Protein backbone atom coordinates (compact mmCIF):
# COMPACT_ATOMS: atom_id res chain seq x y z
CA MET A 1 73.92 16.16 74.78
CA ILE A 2 75.97 19.04 76.59
CA SER A 3 74.70 19.59 80.14
CA ASN A 4 74.56 23.15 81.70
CA LEU A 5 77.09 21.87 84.12
CA ASP A 6 79.43 21.20 81.35
CA LYS A 7 78.76 24.45 79.59
CA ASN A 8 79.75 26.05 82.94
CA LYS A 9 82.93 24.11 83.35
CA PHE A 10 83.88 25.15 79.77
CA ASN A 11 82.92 28.65 80.32
CA ALA A 12 85.21 28.67 83.31
CA LEU A 13 88.20 27.89 81.48
CA ALA A 14 91.20 30.58 80.99
CA ARG A 15 91.24 31.59 77.57
CA TYR A 16 94.64 33.12 75.99
CA VAL A 17 95.48 35.44 73.01
CA ARG A 18 98.93 36.31 71.77
CA VAL A 19 98.91 38.80 68.92
CA ARG A 20 101.35 38.46 66.12
CA SER A 21 100.71 41.15 63.55
CA ALA A 22 101.85 44.80 63.92
CA PRO A 23 99.27 47.25 65.39
CA GLU A 24 99.05 49.29 62.34
CA ASP A 25 98.00 46.17 60.50
CA LYS A 26 94.48 46.07 58.87
CA PHE A 27 93.92 42.49 60.14
CA VAL A 28 95.05 41.24 63.64
CA GLU A 29 96.93 37.82 63.23
CA PHE A 30 96.76 36.03 66.76
CA ASP A 31 96.81 32.40 68.44
CA PHE A 32 94.07 31.70 70.52
CA ALA A 33 94.26 28.91 73.05
CA ILE A 34 91.84 27.54 75.85
CA GLU A 35 93.31 26.56 79.16
CA HIS A 36 96.65 25.72 77.64
CA PRO A 37 98.47 28.42 76.44
CA ASP A 38 100.75 26.09 74.68
CA LEU A 39 97.94 24.37 72.60
CA PHE A 40 96.65 27.20 70.20
CA VAL A 41 95.02 27.79 66.81
CA GLU A 42 95.79 30.65 64.62
CA LEU A 43 93.45 33.19 63.63
CA VAL A 44 92.94 36.34 61.71
CA LEU A 45 90.16 38.95 62.22
CA PRO A 46 89.68 42.63 61.33
CA LYS A 47 90.64 44.83 64.26
CA GLU A 48 86.88 45.73 65.34
CA ALA A 49 85.88 41.82 65.41
CA PHE A 50 89.17 40.91 67.11
CA GLU A 51 88.13 43.30 70.08
CA ILE A 52 84.68 41.91 70.35
CA PHE A 53 86.08 38.38 70.10
CA CYS A 54 88.50 39.25 73.06
CA LYS A 55 85.67 40.84 75.20
CA HIS A 56 83.26 38.05 74.45
CA ASN A 57 85.80 35.29 75.28
CA ASN A 58 87.16 37.38 78.52
CA VAL A 59 90.76 36.44 77.18
CA ILE A 60 94.13 36.89 78.90
CA HIS A 61 96.70 38.73 76.64
CA MET A 62 99.89 36.81 76.87
CA ASP A 63 102.85 38.96 77.92
CA ALA A 64 106.40 38.47 76.77
CA ALA A 65 107.35 36.21 79.48
CA MET A 66 104.69 33.82 78.87
CA ALA A 67 105.16 34.00 75.41
CA LYS A 68 108.98 33.21 75.59
CA LYS A 69 108.11 30.22 77.89
CA ILE A 70 106.09 28.97 75.10
CA ASP A 71 108.32 29.66 72.36
CA ASP A 72 111.35 27.80 74.15
CA ASP A 73 109.18 25.08 74.82
CA ASN A 74 108.29 24.57 71.11
CA GLN A 75 111.90 25.19 70.08
CA LYS A 76 112.87 22.31 72.49
CA TRP A 77 110.16 20.03 70.94
CA ARG A 78 111.09 20.91 67.43
CA PHE A 79 114.97 20.52 67.84
CA GLY A 80 115.40 18.70 71.27
CA ASP A 81 117.06 20.10 74.21
CA THR A 82 119.92 22.01 73.13
CA LYS A 83 121.41 22.75 76.51
CA LYS A 84 124.88 21.24 77.29
CA ILE A 85 125.14 19.23 80.30
């Protein structure tokens, strides 16, 4: 059983959104993460539902710098550290 304390802890966790689709697209394709922006699920919602989702979850929209950091880290995990020493 989940206690109210557990629910409060969960509700306090940061939630992140990174939009992947173009603004003119009918549906919003986005990544959604809880507490760890590099561990996410890919979701698709109609625009209106996406706005409600973001408001309900009090999301933090990732900026370009945060997205680049995650992309760089994912690249390193896929292909290894490509920097020459």
